[in-house]
Amino acid sequence: MIYKLYHKNHVLIDEIQIADTFMKRLRGFMFYKKPPVKALGIKPCNSIHTFFMKFNIDVLFLDQDMVVIEKLTGLKKNKMIMPIKNSKYVIESHENAFDNVSVGDVMSIC
């Protein structure tokens, strides 16, 4: 199912898919030449890797209230991000997707 990602009551990304099963979380964006959707929401999640990815990504780590607690931009392939304390969700998208998002902002997915 495809959802929308909202930031400050405006649609930030109009196509986000939720990876909420083991296989969907495991696959993520691996092996794709470009993202198959504009963004991927991964839950539960507190750490990520970019092994076997072919493009750079931006990443938001969110707490249980969907507040951005960590933002990574231009993450290159073959990186491992250790667990982020209090992270419950991760949103991944193409590079520069979250330029207007800051730590402390509240996101929503509908």
PDB file of N, CA and C in Angstrom:
ATOM      1  N   MET A   1       0.841  -1.176   0.000  1.00  0.00           N
ATOM      2  CA  MET A   1       0.000   0.000   0.000  1.00  0.00           C
ATOM      3  C   MET A   1       0.895   1.251   0.000  1.00  0.00           C
ATOM      4  N   ILE A   2       0.474   2.254  -0.713  1.00  0.00           N
ATOM      5  CA  ILE A   2       1.227   3.488  -0.838  1.00  0.00           C
ATOM      6  C   ILE A   2       0.569   4.579   0.006  1.00  0.00           C
ATOM      7  N   TYR A   3       1.382   5.323   0.742  1.00  0.00           N
ATOM      8  CA  TYR A   3       0.913   6.398   1.607  1.00  0.00           C
ATOM      9  C   TYR A   3       1.579   7.709   1.210  1.00  0.00           C
ATOM     10  N   LYS A   4       1.267   8.765   1.952  1.00  0.00           N
ATOM     11  CA  LYS A   4       1.909  10.074   1.778  1.00  0.00           C
ATOM     12  C   LYS A   4       2.635  10.433   3.061  1.00  0.00           C
ATOM     13  N   LEU A   5       3.761  11.104   2.911  1.00  0.00           N
ATOM     14  CA  LEU A   5       4.538  11.577   4.050  1.00  0.00           C
ATOM     15  C   LEU A   5       4.305  13.066   4.199  1.00  0.00           C
ATOM     16  N   TYR A   6       3.849  13.469   5.393  1.00  0.00           N
ATOM     17  CA  TYR A   6       3.549  14.874   5.666  1.00  0.00           C
ATOM     18  C   TYR A   6       4.599  15.477   6.593  1.00  0.00           C
ATOM     19  N   HIS A   7       4.908  16.734   6.314  1.00  0.00           N
ATOM     20  CA  HIS A   7       5.843  17.522   7.119  1.00  0.00           C
ATOM     21  C   HIS A   7       5.242  18.920   7.246  1.00  0.00           C
ATOM     22  N   LYS A   8       4.993  19.349   8.463  1.00  0.00           N
ATOM     23  CA  LYS A   8       4.380  20.664   8.720  1.00  0.00           C
ATOM     24  C   LYS A   8       3.072  20.820   7.954  1.00  0.00           C
ATOM     25  N   ASN A   9       2.236  19.783   8.015  1.00  0.00           N
ATOM     26  CA  ASN A   9       0.890  19.758   7.413  1.00  0.00           C
ATOM     27  C   ASN A   9       0.890  19.877   5.893  1.00  0.00           C
ATOM     28  N   HIS A  10       2.028  19.620   5.251  1.00  0.00           N
ATOM     29  CA  HIS A  10       2.105  19.624   3.799  1.00  0.00           C
ATOM     30  C   HIS A  10       2.684  18.292   3.324  1.00  0.00           C
ATOM     31  N   VAL A  11       2.266  17.853   2.162  1.00  0.00           N
ATOM     32  CA  VAL A  11       2.802  16.617   1.601  1.00  0.00           C
ATOM     33  C   VAL A  11       4.261  16.846   1.226  1.00  0.00           C
ATOM     34  N   LEU A  12       5.140  16.097   1.851  1.00  0.00           N
ATOM     35  CA  LEU A  12       6.564  16.165   1.527  1.00  0.00           C
ATOM     36  C   LEU A  12       6.890  15.150   0.433  1.00  0.00           C
ATOM     37  N   ILE A  13       6.344  13.951   0.575  1.00  0.00           N
ATOM     38  CA  ILE A  13       6.546  12.888  -0.410  1.00  0.00           C
ATOM     39  C   ILE A  13       5.204  12.212  -0.634  1.00  0.00           C
ATOM     40  N   ASP A  14       4.811  12.128  -1.898  1.00  0.00           N
ATOM     41  CA  ASP A  14       3.474  11.609  -2.208  1.00  0.00           C
ATOM     42  C   ASP A  14       3.437  10.112  -2.478  1.00  0.00           C
ATOM     43  N   GLU A  15       4.552   9.437  -2.247  1.00  0.00           N
ATOM     44  CA  GLU A  15       4.601   8.000  -2.492  1.00  0.00           C
ATOM     45  C   GLU A  15       5.588   7.346  -1.528  1.00  0.00           C
ATOM     46  N   ILE A  16       5.068   6.896  -0.385  1.00  0.00           N
ATOM     47  CA  ILE A  16       5.906   6.200   0.593  1.00  0.00           C
ATOM     48  C   ILE A  16       5.299   4.827   0.839  1.00  0.00           C
ATOM     49  N   GLN A  17       6.152   3.833   0.789  1.00  0.00           N
ATOM     50  CA  GLN A  17       5.745   2.463   1.051  1.00  0.00           C
ATOM     51  C   GLN A  17       6.259   2.080   2.428  1.00  0.00           C
ATOM     52  N   ILE A  18       5.486   1.302   3.172  1.00  0.00           N
ATOM     53  CA  ILE A  18       5.875   0.885   4.518  1.00  0.00           C
ATOM     54  C   ILE A  18       6.454  -0.524   4.468  1.00  0.00           C
ATOM     55  N   ALA A  19       7.652  -0.663   5.008  1.00  0.00           N
ATOM     56  CA  ALA A  19       8.298  -1.976   5.134  1.00  0.00           C
ATOM     57  C   ALA A  19       8.131  -2.414   6.584  1.00  0.00           C
ATOM     58  N   ASP A  20       7.139  -3.257   6.831  1.00  0.00           N
ATOM     59  CA  ASP A  20       6.824  -3.647   8.203  1.00  0.00           C
ATOM     60  C   ASP A  20       6.868  -5.157   8.419  1.00  0.00           C
ATOM     61  N   THR A  21       7.442  -5.881   7.455  1.00  0.00           N
ATOM     62  CA  THR A  21       7.669  -7.311   7.632  1.00  0.00           C
ATOM     63  C   THR A  21       9.174  -7.554   7.533  1.00  0.00           C
ATOM     64  N   PHE A  22       9.609  -8.692   8.007  1.00  0.00           N
ATOM     65  CA  PHE A  22      11.035  -8.996   7.986  1.00  0.00           C
ATOM     66  C   PHE A  22      11.607  -8.906   6.577  1.00  0.00           C
ATOM     67  N   MET A  23      10.950  -9.505   5.616  1.00  0.00           N
ATOM     68  CA  MET A  23      11.464  -9.527   4.240  1.00  0.00           C
ATOM     69  C   MET A  23      11.487  -8.132   3.611  1.00  0.00           C
ATOM     70  N   LYS A  24      10.458  -7.337   3.840  1.00  0.00           N
ATOM     71  CA  LYS A  24      10.432  -5.970   3.291  1.00  0.00           C
ATOM     72  C   LYS A  24      11.517  -5.107   3.924  1.00  0.00           C
ATOM     73  N   ARG A  25      11.723  -5.266   5.237  1.00  0.00           N
ATOM     74  CA  ARG A  25      12.774  -4.502   5.916  1.00  0.00           C
ATOM     75  C   ARG A  25      14.148  -4.953   5.442  1.00  0.00           C
ATOM     76  N   LEU A  26      14.312  -6.264   5.255  1.00  0.00           N
ATOM     77  CA  LEU A  26      15.582  -6.793   4.800  1.00  0.00           C
ATOM     78  C   LEU A  26      15.922  -6.281   3.403  1.00  0.00           C
ATOM     79  N   ARG A  27      14.970  -6.281   2.501  1.00  0.00           N
ATOM     80  CA  ARG A  27      15.218  -5.870   1.114  1.00  0.00           C
ATOM     81  C   ARG A  27      15.434  -4.372   0.994  1.00  0.00           C
ATOM     82  N   GLY A  28      14.572  -3.581   1.605  1.00  0.00           N
ATOM     83  CA  GLY A  28      14.707  -2.131   1.524  1.00  0.00           C
ATOM     84  C   GLY A  28      14.937  -1.671   0.097  1.00  0.00           C
ATOM     85  N   PHE A  29      15.981  -0.877  -0.113  1.00  0.00           N
ATOM     86  CA  PHE A  29      16.341  -0.388  -1.449  1.00  0.00           C
ATOM     87  C   PHE A  29      17.506  -1.173  -2.055  1.00  0.00           C
ATOM     88  N   MET A  30      17.872  -2.304  -1.462  1.00  0.00           N
ATOM     89  CA  MET A  30      19.007  -3.068  -1.974  1.00  0.00           C
ATOM     90  C   MET A  30      18.752  -3.549  -3.400  1.00  0.00           C
ATOM     91  N   PHE A  31      19.797  -3.490  -4.209  1.00  0.00           N
ATOM     92  CA  PHE A  31      19.852  -4.026  -5.570  1.00  0.00           C
ATOM     93  C   PHE A  31      19.090  -3.216  -6.612  1.00  0.00           C
ATOM     94  N   TYR A  32      18.362  -2.195  -6.227  1.00  0.00           N
ATOM     95  CA  TYR A  32      17.660  -1.360  -7.206  1.00  0.00           C
ATOM     96  C   TYR A  32      18.628  -0.345  -7.817  1.00  0.00           C
ATOM     97  N   LYS A  33      18.470  -0.061  -9.101  1.00  0.00           N
ATOM     98  CA  LYS A  33      19.292   0.964  -9.750  1.00  0.00           C
ATOM     99  C   LYS A  33      18.829   2.352  -9.349  1.00  0.00           C
ATOM    100  N   LYS A  34      17.541   2.489  -9.058  1.00  0.00           N
ATOM    101  CA  LYS A  34      16.958   3.716  -8.524  1.00  0.00           C
ATOM    102  C   LYS A  34      15.823   3.304  -7.600  1.00  0.00           C
ATOM    103  N   PRO A  35      15.408   4.180  -6.693  1.00  0.00           N
ATOM    104  CA  PRO A  35      14.357   3.781  -5.748  1.00  0.00           C
ATOM    105  C   PRO A  35      13.074   3.373  -6.478  1.00  0.00           C
ATOM    106  N   PRO A  36      12.459   2.254  -6.091  1.00  0.00           N
ATOM    107  CA  PRO A  36      11.208   1.820  -6.721  1.00  0.00           C
ATOM    108  C   PRO A  36      10.002   2.669  -6.306  1.00  0.00           C
ATOM    109  N   VAL A  37      10.123   3.357  -5.181  1.00  0.00           N
ATOM    110  CA  VAL A  37       9.126   4.323  -4.704  1.00  0.00           C
ATOM    111  C   VAL A  37       9.894   5.545  -4.234  1.00  0.00           C
ATOM    112  N   LYS A  38       9.205   6.651  -4.020  1.00  0.00           N
ATOM    113  CA  LYS A  38       9.895   7.890  -3.625  1.00  0.00           C
ATOM    114  C   LYS A  38      10.481   7.813  -2.221  1.00  0.00           C
ATOM    115  N   ALA A  39       9.862   7.006  -1.350  1.00  0.00           N
ATOM    116  CA  ALA A  39      10.376   6.852   0.017  1.00  0.00           C
ATOM    117  C   ALA A  39       9.956   5.505   0.574  1.00  0.00           C
ATOM    118  N   LEU A  40      10.719   5.070   1.560  1.00  0.00           N
ATOM    119  CA  LEU A  40      10.439   3.810   2.234  1.00  0.00           C
ATOM    120  C   LEU A  40      10.403   4.076   3.729  1.00  0.00           C
ATOM    121  N   GLY A  41       9.308   3.703   4.378  1.00  0.00           N
ATOM    122  CA  GLY A  41       9.197   3.801   5.824  1.00  0.00           C
ATOM    123  C   GLY A  41       9.445   2.430   6.422  1.00  0.00           C
ATOM    124  N   ILE A  42      10.397   2.332   7.327  1.00  0.00           N
ATOM    125  CA  ILE A  42      10.781   1.041   7.895  1.00  0.00           C
ATOM    126  C   ILE A  42      10.434   1.045   9.374  1.00  0.00           C
ATOM    127  N   LYS A  43       9.638   0.048   9.780  1.00  0.00           N
ATOM    128  CA  LYS A  43       9.274  -0.044  11.191  1.00  0.00           C
ATOM    129  C   LYS A  43       9.101  -1.490  11.599  1.00  0.00           C
ATOM    130  N   PRO A  44       9.500  -1.858  12.774  1.00  0.00           N
ATOM    131  CA  PRO A  44      10.331  -1.065  13.681  1.00  0.00           C
ATOM    132  C   PRO A  44      11.755  -1.016  13.139  1.00  0.00           C
ATOM    133  N   CYS A  45      12.474   0.031  13.489  1.00  0.00           N
ATOM    134  CA  CYS A  45      13.836   0.177  12.974  1.00  0.00           C
ATOM    135  C   CYS A  45      14.603   1.220  13.782  1.00  0.00           C
ATOM    136  N   ASN A  46      15.854   0.893  14.111  1.00  0.00           N
ATOM    137  CA  ASN A  46      16.706   1.867  14.791  1.00  0.00           C
ATOM    138  C   ASN A  46      18.123   1.915  14.226  1.00  0.00           C
ATOM    139  N   SER A  47      18.398   1.096  13.195  1.00  0.00           N
ATOM    140  CA  SER A  47      19.699   1.133  12.529  1.00  0.00           C
ATOM    141  C   SER A  47      19.519   0.681  11.087  1.00  0.00           C
ATOM    142  N   ILE A  48      20.440   1.098  10.226  1.00  0.00           N
ATOM    143  CA  ILE A  48      20.337   0.732   8.815  1.00  0.00           C
ATOM    144  C   ILE A  48      21.732   0.452   8.251  1.00  0.00           C
ATOM    145  N   HIS A  49      21.731  -0.093   7.037  1.00  0.00           N
ATOM    146  CA  HIS A  49      22.968  -0.239   6.280  1.00  0.00           C
ATOM    147  C   HIS A  49      22.657   0.109   4.827  1.00  0.00           C
ATOM    148  N   THR A  50      23.707   0.391   4.081  1.00  0.00           N
ATOM    149  CA  THR A  50      23.525   0.685   2.656  1.00  0.00           C
ATOM    150  C   THR A  50      24.321  -0.286   1.784  1.00  0.00           C
ATOM    151  N   PHE A  51      24.555  -1.469   2.291  1.00  0.00           N
ATOM    152  CA  PHE A  51      25.228  -2.488   1.497  1.00  0.00           C
ATOM    153  C   PHE A  51      24.336  -2.878   0.318  1.00  0.00           C
ATOM    154  N   PHE A  52      24.934  -3.111  -0.823  1.00  0.00           N
ATOM    155  CA  PHE A  52      24.243  -3.543  -2.048  1.00  0.00           C
ATOM    156  C   PHE A  52      23.296  -2.482  -2.604  1.00  0.00           C
ATOM    157  N   MET A  53      23.487  -1.224  -2.203  1.00  0.00           N
ATOM    158  CA  MET A  53      22.681  -0.134  -2.765  1.00  0.00           C
ATOM    159  C   MET A  53      23.466   0.547  -3.869  1.00  0.00           C
ATOM    160  N   LYS A  54      22.752   1.088  -4.827  1.00  0.00           N
ATOM    161  CA  LYS A  54      23.389   1.667  -6.009  1.00  0.00           C
ATOM    162  C   LYS A  54      23.211   3.178  -6.100  1.00  0.00           C
ATOM    163  N   PHE A  55      22.655   3.807  -5.065  1.00  0.00           N
ATOM    164  CA  PHE A  55      22.432   5.245  -5.067  1.00  0.00           C
ATOM    165  C   PHE A  55      22.523   5.765  -3.634  1.00  0.00           C
ATOM    166  N   ASN A  56      22.786   7.055  -3.491  1.00  0.00           N
ATOM    167  CA  ASN A  56      22.856   7.691  -2.173  1.00  0.00           C
ATOM    168  C   ASN A  56      21.448   7.960  -1.661  1.00  0.00           C
ATOM    169  N   ILE A  57      21.305   7.965  -0.341  1.00  0.00           N
ATOM    170  CA  ILE A  57      19.987   8.215   0.254  1.00  0.00           C
ATOM    171  C   ILE A  57      20.083   9.243   1.376  1.00  0.00           C
ATOM    172  N   ASP A  58      18.935   9.832   1.672  1.00  0.00           N
ATOM    173  CA  ASP A  58      18.745  10.630   2.878  1.00  0.00           C
ATOM    174  C   ASP A  58      17.910   9.785   3.826  1.00  0.00           C
ATOM    175  N   VAL A  59      18.158   9.933   5.123  1.00  0.00           N
ATOM    176  CA  VAL A  59      17.513   9.084   6.119  1.00  0.00           C
ATOM    177  C   VAL A  59      17.042   9.928   7.297  1.00  0.00           C
ATOM    178  N   LEU A  60      15.823   9.645   7.747  1.00  0.00           N
ATOM    179  CA  LEU A  60      15.294  10.241   8.973  1.00  0.00           C
ATOM    180  C   LEU A  60      15.051   9.124   9.977  1.00  0.00           C
ATOM    181  N   PHE A  61      15.532   9.304  11.193  1.00  0.00           N
ATOM    182  CA  PHE A  61      15.224   8.403  12.298  1.00  0.00           C
ATOM    183  C   PHE A  61      14.181   9.105  13.153  1.00  0.00           C
ATOM    184  N   LEU A  62      13.091   8.400  13.455  1.00  0.00           N
ATOM    185  CA  LEU A  62      11.969   8.980  14.199  1.00  0.00           C
ATOM    186  C   LEU A  62      11.734   8.218  15.493  1.00  0.00           C
ATOM    187  N   ASP A  63      11.255   8.945  16.514  1.00  0.00           N
ATOM    188  CA  ASP A  63      10.896   8.290  17.765  1.00  0.00           C
ATOM    189  C   ASP A  63       9.450   7.801  17.695  1.00  0.00           C
ATOM    190  N   GLN A  64       8.934   7.314  18.801  1.00  0.00           N
ATOM    191  CA  GLN A  64       7.576   6.749  18.819  1.00  0.00           C
ATOM    192  C   GLN A  64       6.492   7.774  18.505  1.00  0.00           C
ATOM    193  N   ASP A  65       6.791   9.061  18.657  1.00  0.00           N
ATOM    194  CA  ASP A  65       5.835  10.122  18.361  1.00  0.00           C
ATOM    195  C   ASP A  65       6.044  10.727  16.970  1.00  0.00           C
ATOM    196  N   MET A  66       6.877  10.068  16.157  1.00  0.00           N
ATOM    197  CA  MET A  66       7.179  10.507  14.787  1.00  0.00           C
ATOM    198  C   MET A  66       7.950  11.827  14.751  1.00  0.00           C
ATOM    199  N   VAL A  67       8.717  12.095  15.803  1.00  0.00           N
ATOM    200  CA  VAL A  67       9.579  13.273  15.861  1.00  0.00           C
ATOM    201  C   VAL A  67      10.957  12.875  15.315  1.00  0.00           C
ATOM    202  N   VAL A  68      11.508  13.699  14.445  1.00  0.00           N
ATOM    203  CA  VAL A  68      12.827  13.431  13.868  1.00  0.00           C
ATOM    204  C   VAL A  68      13.883  13.583  14.966  1.00  0.00           C
ATOM    205  N   ILE A  69      14.616  12.491  15.222  1.00  0.00           N
ATOM    206  CA  ILE A  69      15.658  12.542  16.250  1.00  0.00           C
ATOM    207  C   ILE A  69      17.057  12.486  15.631  1.00  0.00           C
ATOM    208  N   GLU A  70      17.145  12.109  14.374  1.00  0.00           N
ATOM    209  CA  GLU A  70      18.434  12.079  13.665  1.00  0.00           C
ATOM    210  C   GLU A  70      18.149  12.195  12.175  1.00  0.00           C
ATOM    211  N   LYS A  71      18.997  12.953  11.481  1.00  0.00           N
ATOM    212  CA  LYS A  71      18.870  13.136  10.036  1.00  0.00           C
ATOM    213  C   LYS A  71      20.238  12.913   9.401  1.00  0.00           C
ATOM    214  N   LEU A  72      20.278  12.039   8.398  1.00  0.00           N
ATOM    215  CA  LEU A  72      21.507  11.774   7.665  1.00  0.00           C
ATOM    216  C   LEU A  72      21.262  12.105   6.199  1.00  0.00           C
ATOM    217  N   THR A  73      22.186  12.802   5.580  1.00  0.00           N
ATOM    218  CA  THR A  73      22.007  13.187   4.185  1.00  0.00           C
ATOM    219  C   THR A  73      23.154  12.655   3.325  1.00  0.00           C
ATOM    220  N   GLY A  74      22.811  12.300   2.102  1.00  0.00           N
ATOM    221  CA  GLY A  74      23.817  11.843   1.149  1.00  0.00           C
ATOM    222  C   GLY A  74      24.564  10.604   1.594  1.00  0.00           C
ATOM    223  N   LEU A  75      23.859   9.700   2.268  1.00  0.00           N
ATOM    224  CA  LEU A  75      24.496   8.486   2.770  1.00  0.00           C
ATOM    225  C   LEU A  75      24.898   7.600   1.590  1.00  0.00           C
ATOM    226  N   LYS A  76      26.158   7.287   1.502  1.00  0.00           N
ATOM    227  CA  LYS A  76      26.703   6.517   0.384  1.00  0.00           C
ATOM    228  C   LYS A  76      26.577   5.019   0.628  1.00  0.00           C
ATOM    229  N   LYS A  77      26.784   4.236  -0.425  1.00  0.00           N
ATOM    230  CA  LYS A  77      26.678   2.777  -0.311  1.00  0.00           C
ATOM    231  C   LYS A  77      27.769   2.218   0.599  1.00  0.00           C
ATOM    232  N   ASN A  78      27.490   1.026   1.101  1.00  0.00           N
ATOM    233  CA  ASN A  78      28.422   0.256   1.941  1.00  0.00           C
ATOM    234  C   ASN A  78      28.708   0.900   3.295  1.00  0.00           C
ATOM    235  N   LYS A  79      27.716   1.553   3.862  1.00  0.00           N
ATOM    236  CA  LYS A  79      27.833   2.152   5.198  1.00  0.00           C
ATOM    237  C   LYS A  79      26.929   1.399   6.178  1.00  0.00           C
ATOM    238  N   MET A  80      27.326   1.410   7.431  1.00  0.00           N
ATOM    239  CA  MET A  80      26.530   0.813   8.506  1.00  0.00           C
ATOM    240  C   MET A  80      26.281   1.888   9.543  1.00  0.00           C
ATOM    241  N   ILE A  81      25.015   2.126   9.863  1.00  0.00           N
ATOM    242  CA  ILE A  81      24.644   3.097  10.891  1.00  0.00           C
ATOM    243  C   ILE A  81      24.213   2.303  12.119  1.00  0.00           C
ATOM    244  N   MET A  82      24.931   2.498  13.190  1.00  0.00           N
ATOM    245  CA  MET A  82      24.645   1.785  14.432  1.00  0.00           C
ATOM    246  C   MET A  82      23.308   2.264  15.007  1.00  0.00           C
ATOM    247  N   PRO A  83      22.734   1.495  15.922  1.00  0.00           N
ATOM    248  CA  PRO A  83      21.430   1.860  16.468  1.00  0.00           C
ATOM    249  C   PRO A  83      21.389   3.281  17.033  1.00  0.00           C
ATOM    250  N   ILE A  84      20.308   3.971  16.700  1.00  0.00           N
ATOM    251  CA  ILE A  84      20.052   5.318  17.197  1.00  0.00           C
ATOM    252  C   ILE A  84      19.092   5.190  18.381  1.00  0.00           C
ATOM    253  N   LYS A  85      19.531   5.684  19.521  1.00  0.00           N
ATOM    254  CA  LYS A  85      18.730   5.577  20.744  1.00  0.00           C
ATOM    255  C   LYS A  85      17.347   6.197  20.539  1.00  0.00           C
ATOM    256  N   ASN A  86      16.321   5.488  20.961  1.00  0.00           N
ATOM    257  CA  ASN A  86      14.909   5.887  20.919  1.00  0.00           C
ATOM    258  C   ASN A  86      14.304   5.881  19.512  1.00  0.00           C
ATOM    259  N   SER A  87      15.038   5.432  18.507  1.00  0.00           N
ATOM    260  CA  SER A  87      14.473   5.368  17.159  1.00  0.00           C
ATOM    261  C   SER A  87      13.522   4.178  17.056  1.00  0.00           C
ATOM    262  N   LYS A  88      12.340   4.439  16.513  1.00  0.00           N
ATOM    263  CA  LYS A  88      11.335   3.396  16.291  1.00  0.00           C
ATOM    264  C   LYS A  88      11.022   3.227  14.804  1.00  0.00           C
ATOM    265  N   TYR A  89      11.245   4.282  14.021  1.00  0.00           N
ATOM    266  CA  TYR A  89      10.937   4.282  12.592  1.00  0.00           C
ATOM    267  C   TYR A  89      12.103   4.911  11.834  1.00  0.00           C
ATOM    268  N   VAL A  90      12.262   4.489  10.597  1.00  0.00           N
ATOM    269  CA  VAL A  90      13.234   5.107   9.703  1.00  0.00           C
ATOM    270  C   VAL A  90      12.523   5.399   8.389  1.00  0.00           C
ATOM    271  N   ILE A  91      12.821   6.550   7.826  1.00  0.00           N
ATOM    272  CA  ILE A  91      12.322   6.889   6.491  1.00  0.00           C
ATOM    273  C   ILE A  91      13.527   7.130   5.602  1.00  0.00           C
ATOM    274  N   GLU A  92      13.581   6.390   4.496  1.00  0.00           N
ATOM    275  CA  GLU A  92      14.659   6.530   3.525  1.00  0.00           C
ATOM    276  C   GLU A  92      14.091   7.080   2.229  1.00  0.00           C
ATOM    277  N   SER A  93      14.853   7.928   1.576  1.00  0.00           N
ATOM    278  CA  SER A  93      14.454   8.471   0.281  1.00  0.00           C
ATOM    279  C   SER A  93      15.706   8.843  -0.495  1.00  0.00           C
ATOM    280  N   HIS A  94      15.509   9.338  -1.696  1.00  0.00           N
ATOM    281  CA  HIS A  94      16.638   9.736  -2.529  1.00  0.00           C
ATOM    282  C   HIS A  94      17.381  10.909  -1.894  1.00  0.00           C
ATOM    283  N   GLU A  95      18.588  11.103  -2.325  1.00  0.00           N
ATOM    284  CA  GLU A  95      19.419  12.192  -1.814  1.00  0.00           C
ATOM    285  C   GLU A  95      18.722  13.540  -2.025  1.00  0.00           C
ATOM    286  N   ASN A  96      18.780  14.402  -1.043  1.00  0.00           N
ATOM    287  CA  ASN A  96      18.188  15.747  -1.010  1.00  0.00           C
ATOM    288  C   ASN A  96      16.677  15.762  -0.783  1.00  0.00           C
ATOM    289  N   ALA A  97      16.080  14.636  -0.499  1.00  0.00           N
ATOM    290  CA  ALA A  97      14.630  14.586  -0.286  1.00  0.00           C
ATOM    291  C   ALA A  97      14.199  15.308   0.983  1.00  0.00           C
ATOM    292  N   PHE A  98      15.087  15.363   1.975  1.00  0.00           N
ATOM    293  CA  PHE A  98      14.718  15.912   3.278  1.00  0.00           C
ATOM    294  C   PHE A  98      15.458  17.215   3.583  1.00  0.00           C
ATOM    295  N   ASP A  99      15.779  17.971   2.553  1.00  0.00           N
ATOM    296  CA  ASP A  99      16.510  19.228   2.742  1.00  0.00           C
ATOM    297  C   ASP A  99      15.800  20.189   3.683  1.00  0.00           C
ATOM    298  N   ASN A 100      14.468  20.201   3.682  1.00  0.00           N
ATOM    299  CA  ASN A 100      13.700  21.146   4.497  1.00  0.00           C
ATOM    300  C   ASN A 100      13.253  20.567   5.834  1.00  0.00           C
ATOM    301  N   VAL A 101      13.759  19.390   6.182  1.00  0.00           N
ATOM    302  CA  VAL A 101      13.393  18.745   7.435  1.00  0.00           C
ATOM    303  C   VAL A 101      14.531  18.916   8.432  1.00  0.00           C
ATOM    304  N   SER A 102      14.184  19.185   9.686  1.00  0.00           N
ATOM    305  CA  SER A 102      15.178  19.370  10.747  1.00  0.00           C
ATOM    306  C   SER A 102      14.901  18.439  11.902  1.00  0.00           C
ATOM    307  N   VAL A 103      15.930  18.155  12.692  1.00  0.00           N
ATOM    308  CA  VAL A 103      15.748  17.400  13.929  1.00  0.00           C
ATOM    309  C   VAL A 103      14.745  18.167  14.792  1.00  0.00           C
ATOM    310  N   GLY A 104      13.767  17.450  15.351  1.00  0.00           N
ATOM    311  CA  GLY A 104      12.719  18.071  16.164  1.00  0.00           C
ATOM    312  C   GLY A 104      11.413  18.234  15.403  1.00  0.00           C
ATOM    313  N   ASP A 105      11.448  18.162  14.074  1.00  0.00           N
ATOM    314  CA  ASP A 105      10.213  18.268  13.289  1.00  0.00           C
ATOM    315  C   ASP A 105       9.365  17.015  13.476  1.00  0.00           C
ATOM    316  N   VAL A 106       8.076  17.165  13.350  1.00  0.00           N
ATOM    317  CA  VAL A 106       7.142  16.050  13.471  1.00  0.00           C
ATOM    318  C   VAL A 106       6.679  15.646  12.072  1.00  0.00           C
ATOM    319  N   MET A 107       6.729  14.348  11.809  1.00  0.00           N
ATOM    320  CA  MET A 107       6.302  13.808  10.520  1.00  0.00           C
ATOM    321  C   MET A 107       5.020  13.009  10.739  1.00  0.00           C
ATOM    322  N   SER A 108       4.279  12.789   9.671  1.00  0.00           N
ATOM    323  CA  SER A 108       3.132  11.890   9.739  1.00  0.00           C
ATOM    324  C   SER A 108       2.980  11.174   8.407  1.00  0.00           C
ATOM    325  N   ILE A 109       2.434   9.979   8.493  1.00  0.00           N
ATOM    326  CA  ILE A 109       2.201   9.159   7.313  1.00  0.00           C
ATOM    327  C   ILE A 109       0.737   8.794   7.274  1.00  0.00           C
ATOM    328  N   CYS A 110       0.085   9.118   6.170  1.00  0.00           N
ATOM    329  CA  CYS A 110      -1.343   8.809   6.005  1.00  0.00           C
ATOM    330  C   CYS A 110      -1.594   8.275   4.607  1.00  0.00           C
TER     331      CYS A 110
END
